[in-house]
Each structure stands twice: as C-alpha cells, then as structure tokens.
Amino acid sequence: MGSCQRSLRANTPQGERVGLANSEEIAAGAVLEFSVLVMADELMPAVKEWLSYGKLRGLGQWRNSGKGRFLCEILEERAAELADILE
C-alpha cells in the first residue's frame, strides 16, 4: 500500500486557501472478494448495474481521475439458498 497526495486550492471570502488531500492506494491488480446480500429480487438488476459502473469511473475520492476503477465478476447467485437462511 502507498499514499497518493494532491493539493486542493480554493478562493474563499477570507482569501486563497490551499489544502492537501491524502489517500491510501493499492497497486493495480489487487483482488478484493466480498458478498452482497440483495434483500429484494427486483433490486438485483440495479445492483449489477452499479457494480459494472466501476470499470468506467471507479470509487473513492479520486474516481474522477480514473483511479479506483475496478471489474466485477459475479461468481454465483444463491437466491434460493439465501431465502432459506432468511426464513
């Protein structure tokens, strides 16, 4: 892991201000595995759309610069199995 910094400038009524934005970063190619529990079947298309958007913009405060982009792979959908757990 590393650190990514950039300066932020703003003109305010009190004059020009300069700040420093600092974020942790991880090397390209890192893998994150997690589960998402969707509580209603009709929300599944929206969740898939949100996850697929990550390849275009990414996530986090630096997403507009192209950092934080990711690919999502759905390994399995277990709707029936999860329905049994929730009952």
PDB file of N, CA and C in Angstrom:
ATOM      1  N   MET A   1       0.837  -1.177   0.000  1.00  0.00           N
ATOM      2  CA  MET A   1       0.000   0.000   0.000  1.00  0.00           C
ATOM      3  C   MET A   1       0.878   1.235   0.000  1.00  0.00           C
ATOM      4  N   GLY A   2       0.330   2.275  -0.578  1.00  0.00           N
ATOM      5  CA  GLY A   2       1.055   3.529  -0.635  1.00  0.00           C
ATOM      6  C   GLY A   2       0.143   4.691  -0.333  1.00  0.00           C
ATOM      7  N   SER A   3       0.625   5.875  -0.671  1.00  0.00           N
ATOM      8  CA  SER A   3      -0.123   7.086  -0.418  1.00  0.00           C
ATOM      9  C   SER A   3      -0.129   7.943  -1.676  1.00  0.00           C
ATOM     10  N   CYS A   4      -1.252   8.566  -1.970  1.00  0.00           N
ATOM     11  CA  CYS A   4      -1.402   9.438  -3.130  1.00  0.00           C
ATOM     12  C   CYS A   4      -1.858  10.804  -2.622  1.00  0.00           C
ATOM     13  N   GLN A   5      -1.129  11.859  -2.979  1.00  0.00           N
ATOM     14  CA  GLN A   5      -1.450  13.188  -2.478  1.00  0.00           C
ATOM     15  C   GLN A   5      -1.614  14.168  -3.630  1.00  0.00           C
ATOM     16  N   ARG A   6      -2.457  15.176  -3.388  1.00  0.00           N
ATOM     17  CA  ARG A   6      -2.571  16.291  -4.324  1.00  0.00           C
ATOM     18  C   ARG A   6      -3.021  17.518  -3.548  1.00  0.00           C
ATOM     19  N   SER A   7      -2.680  18.675  -4.083  1.00  0.00           N
ATOM     20  CA  SER A   7      -3.078  19.908  -3.418  1.00  0.00           C
ATOM     21  C   SER A   7      -4.465  20.326  -3.886  1.00  0.00           C
ATOM     22  N   LEU A   8      -5.195  20.970  -3.001  1.00  0.00           N
ATOM     23  CA  LEU A   8      -6.522  21.498  -3.297  1.00  0.00           C
ATOM     24  C   LEU A   8      -6.471  23.003  -3.091  1.00  0.00           C
ATOM     25  N   ARG A   9      -6.913  23.751  -4.085  1.00  0.00           N
ATOM     26  CA  ARG A   9      -6.921  25.215  -3.984  1.00  0.00           C
ATOM     27  C   ARG A   9      -8.346  25.719  -4.031  1.00  0.00           C
ATOM     28  N   ALA A  10      -8.611  26.763  -3.254  1.00  0.00           N
ATOM     29  CA  ALA A  10      -9.943  27.354  -3.244  1.00  0.00           C
ATOM     30  C   ALA A  10      -9.833  28.847  -2.952  1.00  0.00           C
ATOM     31  N   ASN A  11     -10.638  29.639  -3.648  1.00  0.00           N
ATOM     32  CA  ASN A  11     -10.761  31.061  -3.345  1.00  0.00           C
ATOM     33  C   ASN A  11     -11.959  31.229  -2.426  1.00  0.00           C
ATOM     34  N   THR A  12     -11.702  31.747  -1.235  1.00  0.00           N
ATOM     35  CA  THR A  12     -12.768  31.940  -0.257  1.00  0.00           C
ATOM     36  C   THR A  12     -12.878  33.420   0.069  1.00  0.00           C
ATOM     37  N   PRO A  13     -13.929  33.830   0.763  1.00  0.00           N
ATOM     38  CA  PRO A  13     -14.028  35.232   1.177  1.00  0.00           C
ATOM     39  C   PRO A  13     -12.844  35.686   2.047  1.00  0.00           C
ATOM     40  N   GLN A  14     -12.196  34.726   2.708  1.00  0.00           N
ATOM     41  CA  GLN A  14     -11.030  35.061   3.536  1.00  0.00           C
ATOM     42  C   GLN A  14      -9.727  35.038   2.746  1.00  0.00           C
ATOM     43  N   GLY A  15      -9.801  34.769   1.455  1.00  0.00           N
ATOM     44  CA  GLY A  15      -8.605  34.708   0.625  1.00  0.00           C
ATOM     45  C   GLY A  15      -8.380  33.317   0.086  1.00  0.00           C
ATOM     46  N   GLU A  16      -7.280  33.167  -0.628  1.00  0.00           N
ATOM     47  CA  GLU A  16      -6.980  31.866  -1.213  1.00  0.00           C
ATOM     48  C   GLU A  16      -6.534  30.894  -0.129  1.00  0.00           C
ATOM     49  N   ARG A  17      -7.030  29.667  -0.232  1.00  0.00           N
ATOM     50  CA  ARG A  17      -6.682  28.599   0.709  1.00  0.00           C
ATOM     51  C   ARG A  17      -6.093  27.436  -0.071  1.00  0.00           C
ATOM     52  N   VAL A  18      -5.151  26.775   0.551  1.00  0.00           N
ATOM     53  CA  VAL A  18      -4.550  25.588  -0.048  1.00  0.00           C
ATOM     54  C   VAL A  18      -4.593  24.480   0.996  1.00  0.00           C
ATOM     55  N   GLY A  19      -5.046  23.318   0.557  1.00  0.00           N
ATOM     56  CA  GLY A  19      -5.088  22.154   1.444  1.00  0.00           C
ATOM     57  C   GLY A  19      -4.440  20.973   0.749  1.00  0.00           C
ATOM     58  N   LEU A  20      -4.310  19.901   1.463  1.00  0.00           N
ATOM     59  CA  LEU A  20      -3.687  18.704   0.923  1.00  0.00           C
ATOM     60  C   LEU A  20      -4.636  17.520   1.097  1.00  0.00           C
ATOM     61  N   ALA A  21      -4.954  16.854  -0.009  1.00  0.00           N
ATOM     62  CA  ALA A  21      -5.768  15.640   0.037  1.00  0.00           C
ATOM     63  C   ALA A  21      -4.825  14.446   0.015  1.00  0.00           C
ATOM     64  N   ASN A  22      -5.046  13.517   0.900  1.00  0.00           N
ATOM     65  CA  ASN A  22      -4.192  12.342   1.009  1.00  0.00           C
ATOM     66  C   ASN A  22      -5.062  11.091   1.029  1.00  0.00           C
ATOM     67  N   SER A  23      -4.744  10.112   0.209  1.00  0.00           N
ATOM     68  CA  SER A  23      -5.496   8.863   0.169  1.00  0.00           C
ATOM     69  C   SER A  23      -4.537   7.690   0.134  1.00  0.00           C
ATOM     70  N   GLU A  24      -4.976   6.590   0.727  1.00  0.00           N
ATOM     71  CA  GLU A  24      -4.225   5.353   0.592  1.00  0.00           C
ATOM     72  C   GLU A  24      -4.482   4.793  -0.792  1.00  0.00           C
ATOM     73  N   GLU A  25      -3.521   4.113  -1.344  1.00  0.00           N
ATOM     74  CA  GLU A  25      -3.716   3.457  -2.631  1.00  0.00           C
ATOM     75  C   GLU A  25      -3.097   2.075  -2.586  1.00  0.00           C
ATOM     76  N   ILE A  26      -3.606   1.245  -3.454  1.00  0.00           N
ATOM     77  CA  ILE A  26      -3.123  -0.129  -3.536  1.00  0.00           C
ATOM     78  C   ILE A  26      -2.758  -0.395  -4.996  1.00  0.00           C
ATOM     79  N   ALA A  27      -1.811  -1.252  -5.216  1.00  0.00           N
ATOM     80  CA  ALA A  27      -1.309  -1.495  -6.573  1.00  0.00           C
ATOM     81  C   ALA A  27      -2.394  -2.072  -7.481  1.00  0.00           C
ATOM     82  N   ALA A  28      -2.309  -1.718  -8.753  1.00  0.00           N
ATOM     83  CA  ALA A  28      -3.229  -2.277  -9.743  1.00  0.00           C
ATOM     84  C   ALA A  28      -3.088  -3.792  -9.752  1.00  0.00           C
ATOM     85  N   GLY A  29      -4.207  -4.470  -9.954  1.00  0.00           N
ATOM     86  CA  GLY A  29      -4.197  -5.930  -9.981  1.00  0.00           C
ATOM     87  C   GLY A  29      -4.552  -6.569  -8.652  1.00  0.00           C
ATOM     88  N   ALA A  30      -4.740  -5.757  -7.617  1.00  0.00           N
ATOM     89  CA  ALA A  30      -5.136  -6.304  -6.325  1.00  0.00           C
ATOM     90  C   ALA A  30      -6.533  -6.901  -6.437  1.00  0.00           C
ATOM     91  N   VAL A  31      -6.828  -7.866  -5.588  1.00  0.00           N
ATOM     92  CA  VAL A  31      -8.107  -8.566  -5.625  1.00  0.00           C
ATOM     93  C   VAL A  31      -8.826  -8.373  -4.291  1.00  0.00           C
ATOM     94  N   LEU A  32     -10.105  -8.064  -4.374  1.00  0.00           N
ATOM     95  CA  LEU A  32     -10.962  -7.941  -3.206  1.00  0.00           C
ATOM     96  C   LEU A  32     -12.153  -8.844  -3.432  1.00  0.00           C
ATOM     97  N   GLU A  33     -12.454  -9.678  -2.458  1.00  0.00           N
ATOM     98  CA  GLU A  33     -13.590 -10.580  -2.576  1.00  0.00           C
ATOM     99  C   GLU A  33     -14.583 -10.276  -1.467  1.00  0.00           C
ATOM    100  N   PHE A  34     -15.846 -10.101  -1.827  1.00  0.00           N
ATOM    101  CA  PHE A  34     -16.871  -9.826  -0.839  1.00  0.00           C
ATOM    102  C   PHE A  34     -18.213 -10.321  -1.341  1.00  0.00           C
ATOM    103  N   SER A  35     -19.172 -10.377  -0.441  1.00  0.00           N
ATOM    104  CA  SER A  35     -20.521 -10.820  -0.768  1.00  0.00           C
ATOM    105  C   SER A  35     -21.482  -9.653  -0.624  1.00  0.00           C
ATOM    106  N   VAL A  36     -22.492  -9.645  -1.469  1.00  0.00           N
ATOM    107  CA  VAL A  36     -23.554  -8.641  -1.395  1.00  0.00           C
ATOM    108  C   VAL A  36     -24.869  -9.382  -1.216  1.00  0.00           C
ATOM    109  N   LEU A  37     -25.605  -9.021  -0.188  1.00  0.00           N
ATOM    110  CA  LEU A  37     -26.912  -9.611   0.046  1.00  0.00           C
ATOM    111  C   LEU A  37     -27.959  -8.615  -0.431  1.00  0.00           C
ATOM    112  N   VAL A  38     -28.686  -8.967  -1.487  1.00  0.00           N
ATOM    113  CA  VAL A  38     -29.741  -8.128  -2.027  1.00  0.00           C
ATOM    114  C   VAL A  38     -31.050  -8.640  -1.446  1.00  0.00           C
ATOM    115  N   MET A  39     -31.747  -7.781  -0.733  1.00  0.00           N
ATOM    116  CA  MET A  39     -32.913  -8.206   0.025  1.00  0.00           C
ATOM    117  C   MET A  39     -34.180  -8.356  -0.820  1.00  0.00           C
ATOM    118  N   ALA A  40     -34.187  -7.849  -2.042  1.00  0.00           N
ATOM    119  CA  ALA A  40     -35.363  -7.964  -2.903  1.00  0.00           C
ATOM    120  C   ALA A  40     -34.898  -8.286  -4.322  1.00  0.00           C
ATOM    121  N   ASP A  41     -35.489  -9.301  -4.928  1.00  0.00           N
ATOM    122  CA  ASP A  41     -35.073  -9.728  -6.263  1.00  0.00           C
ATOM    123  C   ASP A  41     -35.142  -8.612  -7.301  1.00  0.00           C
ATOM    124  N   GLU A  42     -36.119  -7.709  -7.163  1.00  0.00           N
ATOM    125  CA  GLU A  42     -36.266  -6.649  -8.161  1.00  0.00           C
ATOM    126  C   GLU A  42     -35.125  -5.628  -8.110  1.00  0.00           C
ATOM    127  N   LEU A  43     -34.307  -5.659  -7.055  1.00  0.00           N
ATOM    128  CA  LEU A  43     -33.155  -4.762  -6.947  1.00  0.00           C
ATOM    129  C   LEU A  43     -31.901  -5.317  -7.611  1.00  0.00           C
ATOM    130  N   MET A  44     -31.906  -6.594  -7.933  1.00  0.00           N
ATOM    131  CA  MET A  44     -30.712  -7.234  -8.482  1.00  0.00           C
ATOM    132  C   MET A  44     -30.201  -6.558  -9.764  1.00  0.00           C
ATOM    133  N   PRO A  45     -31.056  -6.207 -10.735  1.00  0.00           N
ATOM    134  CA  PRO A  45     -30.535  -5.522 -11.926  1.00  0.00           C
ATOM    135  C   PRO A  45     -29.835  -4.199 -11.591  1.00  0.00           C
ATOM    136  N   ALA A  46     -30.364  -3.451 -10.636  1.00  0.00           N
ATOM    137  CA  ALA A  46     -29.737  -2.184 -10.252  1.00  0.00           C
ATOM    138  C   ALA A  46     -28.377  -2.420  -9.597  1.00  0.00           C
ATOM    139  N   VAL A  47     -28.278  -3.419  -8.739  1.00  0.00           N
ATOM    140  CA  VAL A  47     -27.005  -3.720  -8.080  1.00  0.00           C
ATOM    141  C   VAL A  47     -25.959  -4.119  -9.117  1.00  0.00           C
ATOM    142  N   LYS A  48     -26.345  -4.944 -10.073  1.00  0.00           N
ATOM    143  CA  LYS A  48     -25.403  -5.341 -11.138  1.00  0.00           C
ATOM    144  C   LYS A  48     -24.958  -4.133 -11.954  1.00  0.00           C
ATOM    145  N   GLU A  49     -25.885  -3.216 -12.223  1.00  0.00           N
ATOM    146  CA  GLU A  49     -25.538  -2.005 -12.973  1.00  0.00           C
ATOM    147  C   GLU A  49     -24.554  -1.141 -12.186  1.00  0.00           C
ATOM    148  N   TRP A  50     -24.785  -0.962 -10.891  1.00  0.00           N
ATOM    149  CA  TRP A  50     -23.882  -0.164 -10.065  1.00  0.00           C
ATOM    150  C   TRP A  50     -22.484  -0.773 -10.020  1.00  0.00           C
ATOM    151  N   LEU A  51     -22.416  -2.086  -9.889  1.00  0.00           N
ATOM    152  CA  LEU A  51     -21.104  -2.737  -9.840  1.00  0.00           C
ATOM    153  C   LEU A  51     -20.388  -2.657 -11.182  1.00  0.00           C
ATOM    154  N   SER A  52     -21.128  -2.748 -12.276  1.00  0.00           N
ATOM    155  CA  SER A  52     -20.481  -2.670 -13.591  1.00  0.00           C
ATOM    156  C   SER A  52     -19.993  -1.254 -13.898  1.00  0.00           C
ATOM    157  N   TYR A  53     -20.564  -0.237 -13.247  1.00  0.00           N
ATOM    158  CA  TYR A  53     -20.144   1.151 -13.469  1.00  0.00           C
ATOM    159  C   TYR A  53     -18.714   1.390 -12.993  1.00  0.00           C
ATOM    160  N   GLY A  54     -18.227   0.557 -12.101  1.00  0.00           N
ATOM    161  CA  GLY A  54     -16.884   0.722 -11.556  1.00  0.00           C
ATOM    162  C   GLY A  54     -15.783   0.650 -12.594  1.00  0.00           C
ATOM    163  N   LYS A  55     -16.004  -0.049 -13.689  1.00  0.00           N
ATOM    164  CA  LYS A  55     -14.957  -0.126 -14.720  1.00  0.00           C
ATOM    165  C   LYS A  55     -14.816   1.187 -15.472  1.00  0.00           C
ATOM    166  N   LEU A  56     -15.842   2.040 -15.400  1.00  0.00           N
ATOM    167  CA  LEU A  56     -15.787   3.324 -16.095  1.00  0.00           C
ATOM    168  C   LEU A  56     -15.246   4.447 -15.213  1.00  0.00           C
ATOM    169  N   ARG A  57     -15.696   4.523 -13.969  1.00  0.00           N
ATOM    170  CA  ARG A  57     -15.359   5.656 -13.116  1.00  0.00           C
ATOM    171  C   ARG A  57     -14.601   5.282 -11.857  1.00  0.00           C
ATOM    172  N   GLY A  58     -14.819   4.124 -11.327  1.00  0.00           N
ATOM    173  CA  GLY A  58     -14.144   3.749 -10.100  1.00  0.00           C
ATOM    174  C   GLY A  58     -14.912   4.171  -8.869  1.00  0.00           C
ATOM    175  N   LEU A  59     -14.215   4.163  -7.732  1.00  0.00           N
ATOM    176  CA  LEU A  59     -14.832   4.565  -6.481  1.00  0.00           C
ATOM    177  C   LEU A  59     -13.825   5.327  -5.643  1.00  0.00           C
ATOM    178  N   GLY A  60     -14.303   5.957  -4.593  1.00  0.00           N
ATOM    179  CA  GLY A  60     -13.432   6.743  -3.730  1.00  0.00           C
ATOM    180  C   GLY A  60     -13.308   8.177  -4.214  1.00  0.00           C
ATOM    181  N   GLN A  61     -12.572   8.985  -3.449  1.00  0.00           N
ATOM    182  CA  GLN A  61     -12.497  10.412  -3.738  1.00  0.00           C
ATOM    183  C   GLN A  61     -11.713  10.735  -5.004  1.00  0.00           C
ATOM    184  N   TRP A  62     -10.950   9.819  -5.558  1.00  0.00           N
ATOM    185  CA  TRP A  62     -10.142  10.083  -6.745  1.00  0.00           C
ATOM    186  C   TRP A  62     -10.769   9.485  -7.999  1.00  0.00           C
ATOM    187  N   ARG A  63     -12.011   9.041  -7.934  1.00  0.00           N
ATOM    188  CA  ARG A  63     -12.629   8.326  -9.043  1.00  0.00           C
ATOM    189  C   ARG A  63     -12.676   9.142 -10.332  1.00  0.00           C
ATOM    190  N   ASN A  64     -12.788  10.471 -10.255  1.00  0.00           N
ATOM    191  CA  ASN A  64     -12.869  11.276 -11.474  1.00  0.00           C
ATOM    192  C   ASN A  64     -11.554  11.342 -12.233  1.00  0.00           C
ATOM    193  N   SER A  65     -10.457  10.984 -11.585  1.00  0.00           N
ATOM    194  CA  SER A  65      -9.170  10.951 -12.274  1.00  0.00           C
ATOM    195  C   SER A  65      -8.885   9.570 -12.848  1.00  0.00           C
ATOM    196  N   GLY A  66      -9.836   8.640 -12.697  1.00  0.00           N
ATOM    197  CA  GLY A  66      -9.663   7.298 -13.234  1.00  0.00           C
ATOM    198  C   GLY A  66      -9.100   6.317 -12.231  1.00  0.00           C
ATOM    199  N   LYS A  67      -8.709   6.794 -11.063  1.00  0.00           N
ATOM    200  CA  LYS A  67      -8.207   5.879 -10.039  1.00  0.00           C
ATOM    201  C   LYS A  67      -9.391   5.205  -9.363  1.00  0.00           C
ATOM    202  N   GLY A  68      -9.193   4.010  -8.912  1.00  0.00           N
ATOM    203  CA  GLY A  68     -10.261   3.296  -8.227  1.00  0.00           C
ATOM    204  C   GLY A  68     -11.153   2.504  -9.158  1.00  0.00           C
ATOM    205  N   ARG A  69     -10.806   2.459 -10.453  1.00  0.00           N
ATOM    206  CA  ARG A  69     -11.626   1.654 -11.366  1.00  0.00           C
ATOM    207  C   ARG A  69     -11.462   0.180 -11.034  1.00  0.00           C
ATOM    208  N   PHE A  70     -12.518  -0.582 -11.275  1.00  0.00           N
ATOM    209  CA  PHE A  70     -12.472  -1.997 -10.934  1.00  0.00           C
ATOM    210  C   PHE A  70     -13.388  -2.789 -11.857  1.00  0.00           C
ATOM    211  N   LEU A  71     -13.147  -4.068 -11.909  1.00  0.00           N
ATOM    212  CA  LEU A  71     -14.002  -5.001 -12.627  1.00  0.00           C
ATOM    213  C   LEU A  71     -14.702  -5.876 -11.601  1.00  0.00           C
ATOM    214  N   CYS A  72     -15.923  -6.234 -11.901  1.00  0.00           N
ATOM    215  CA  CYS A  72     -16.709  -7.060 -11.006  1.00  0.00           C
ATOM    216  C   CYS A  72     -17.024  -8.374 -11.706  1.00  0.00           C
ATOM    217  N   GLU A  73     -16.825  -9.452 -11.001  1.00  0.00           N
ATOM    218  CA  GLU A  73     -17.167 -10.774 -11.518  1.00  0.00           C
ATOM    219  C   GLU A  73     -18.135 -11.424 -10.544  1.00  0.00           C
ATOM    220  N   ILE A  74     -19.303 -11.770 -11.033  1.00  0.00           N
ATOM    221  CA  ILE A  74     -20.283 -12.445 -10.184  1.00  0.00           C
ATOM    222  C   ILE A  74     -19.984 -13.931 -10.247  1.00  0.00           C
ATOM    223  N   LEU A  75     -19.562 -14.487  -9.117  1.00  0.00           N
ATOM    224  CA  LEU A  75     -19.146 -15.878  -9.084  1.00  0.00           C
ATOM    225  C   LEU A  75     -20.333 -16.831  -9.016  1.00  0.00           C
ATOM    226  N   GLU A  76     -21.343 -16.446  -8.256  1.00  0.00           N
ATOM    227  CA  GLU A  76     -22.527 -17.294  -8.160  1.00  0.00           C
ATOM    228  C   GLU A  76     -23.673 -16.488  -7.589  1.00  0.00           C
ATOM    229  N   GLU A  77     -24.837 -16.853  -7.970  1.00  0.00           N
ATOM    230  CA  GLU A  77     -26.033 -16.258  -7.386  1.00  0.00           C
ATOM    231  C   GLU A  77     -26.738 -17.356  -6.614  1.00  0.00           C
ATOM    232  N   ARG A  78     -26.996 -17.096  -5.348  1.00  0.00           N
ATOM    233  CA  ARG A  78     -27.549 -18.125  -4.480  1.00  0.00           C
ATOM    234  C   ARG A  78     -28.874 -17.683  -3.892  1.00  0.00           C
ATOM    235  N   ALA A  79     -29.779 -17.238  -4.711  1.00  0.00           N
ATOM    236  CA  ALA A  79     -31.050 -16.702  -4.224  1.00  0.00           C
ATOM    237  C   ALA A  79     -31.821 -17.725  -3.410  1.00  0.00           C
ATOM    238  N   ALA A  80     -31.955 -18.928  -3.897  1.00  0.00           N
ATOM    239  CA  ALA A  80     -32.741 -19.942  -3.186  1.00  0.00           C
ATOM    240  C   ALA A  80     -32.095 -20.288  -1.843  1.00  0.00           C
ATOM    241  N   GLU A  81     -30.798 -20.441  -1.830  1.00  0.00           N
ATOM    242  CA  GLU A  81     -30.091 -20.781  -0.590  1.00  0.00           C
ATOM    243  C   GLU A  81     -30.231 -19.664   0.451  1.00  0.00           C
ATOM    244  N   LEU A  82     -30.121 -18.422   0.017  1.00  0.00           N
ATOM    245  CA  LEU A  82     -30.241 -17.306   0.946  1.00  0.00           C
ATOM    246  C   LEU A  82     -31.677 -17.148   1.445  1.00  0.00           C
ATOM    247  N   ALA A  83     -32.645 -17.471   0.601  1.00  0.00           N
ATOM    248  CA  ALA A  83     -34.049 -17.392   1.022  1.00  0.00           C
ATOM    249  C   ALA A  83     -34.298 -18.341   2.194  1.00  0.00           C
ATOM    250  N   ASP A  84     -33.677 -19.520   2.166  1.00  0.00           N
ATOM    251  CA  ASP A  84     -33.835 -20.469   3.263  1.00  0.00           C
ATOM    252  C   ASP A  84     -33.212 -19.934   4.547  1.00  0.00           C
ATOM    253  N   ILE A  85     -32.115 -19.245   4.441  1.00  0.00           N
ATOM    254  CA  ILE A  85     -31.428 -18.694   5.609  1.00  0.00           C
ATOM    255  C   ILE A  85     -32.280 -17.612   6.268  1.00  0.00           C
ATOM    256  N   LEU A  86     -32.900 -16.776   5.444  1.00  0.00           N
ATOM    257  CA  LEU A  86     -33.673 -15.649   5.966  1.00  0.00           C
ATOM    258  C   LEU A  86     -35.020 -16.051   6.552  1.00  0.00           C
ATOM    259  N   GLU A  87     -35.495 -17.238   6.290  1.00  0.00           N
ATOM    260  CA  GLU A  87     -36.794 -17.663   6.820  1.00  0.00           C
ATOM    261  C   GLU A  87     -36.710 -18.066   8.264  1.00  0.00           C
TER     262      GLU A  87
END
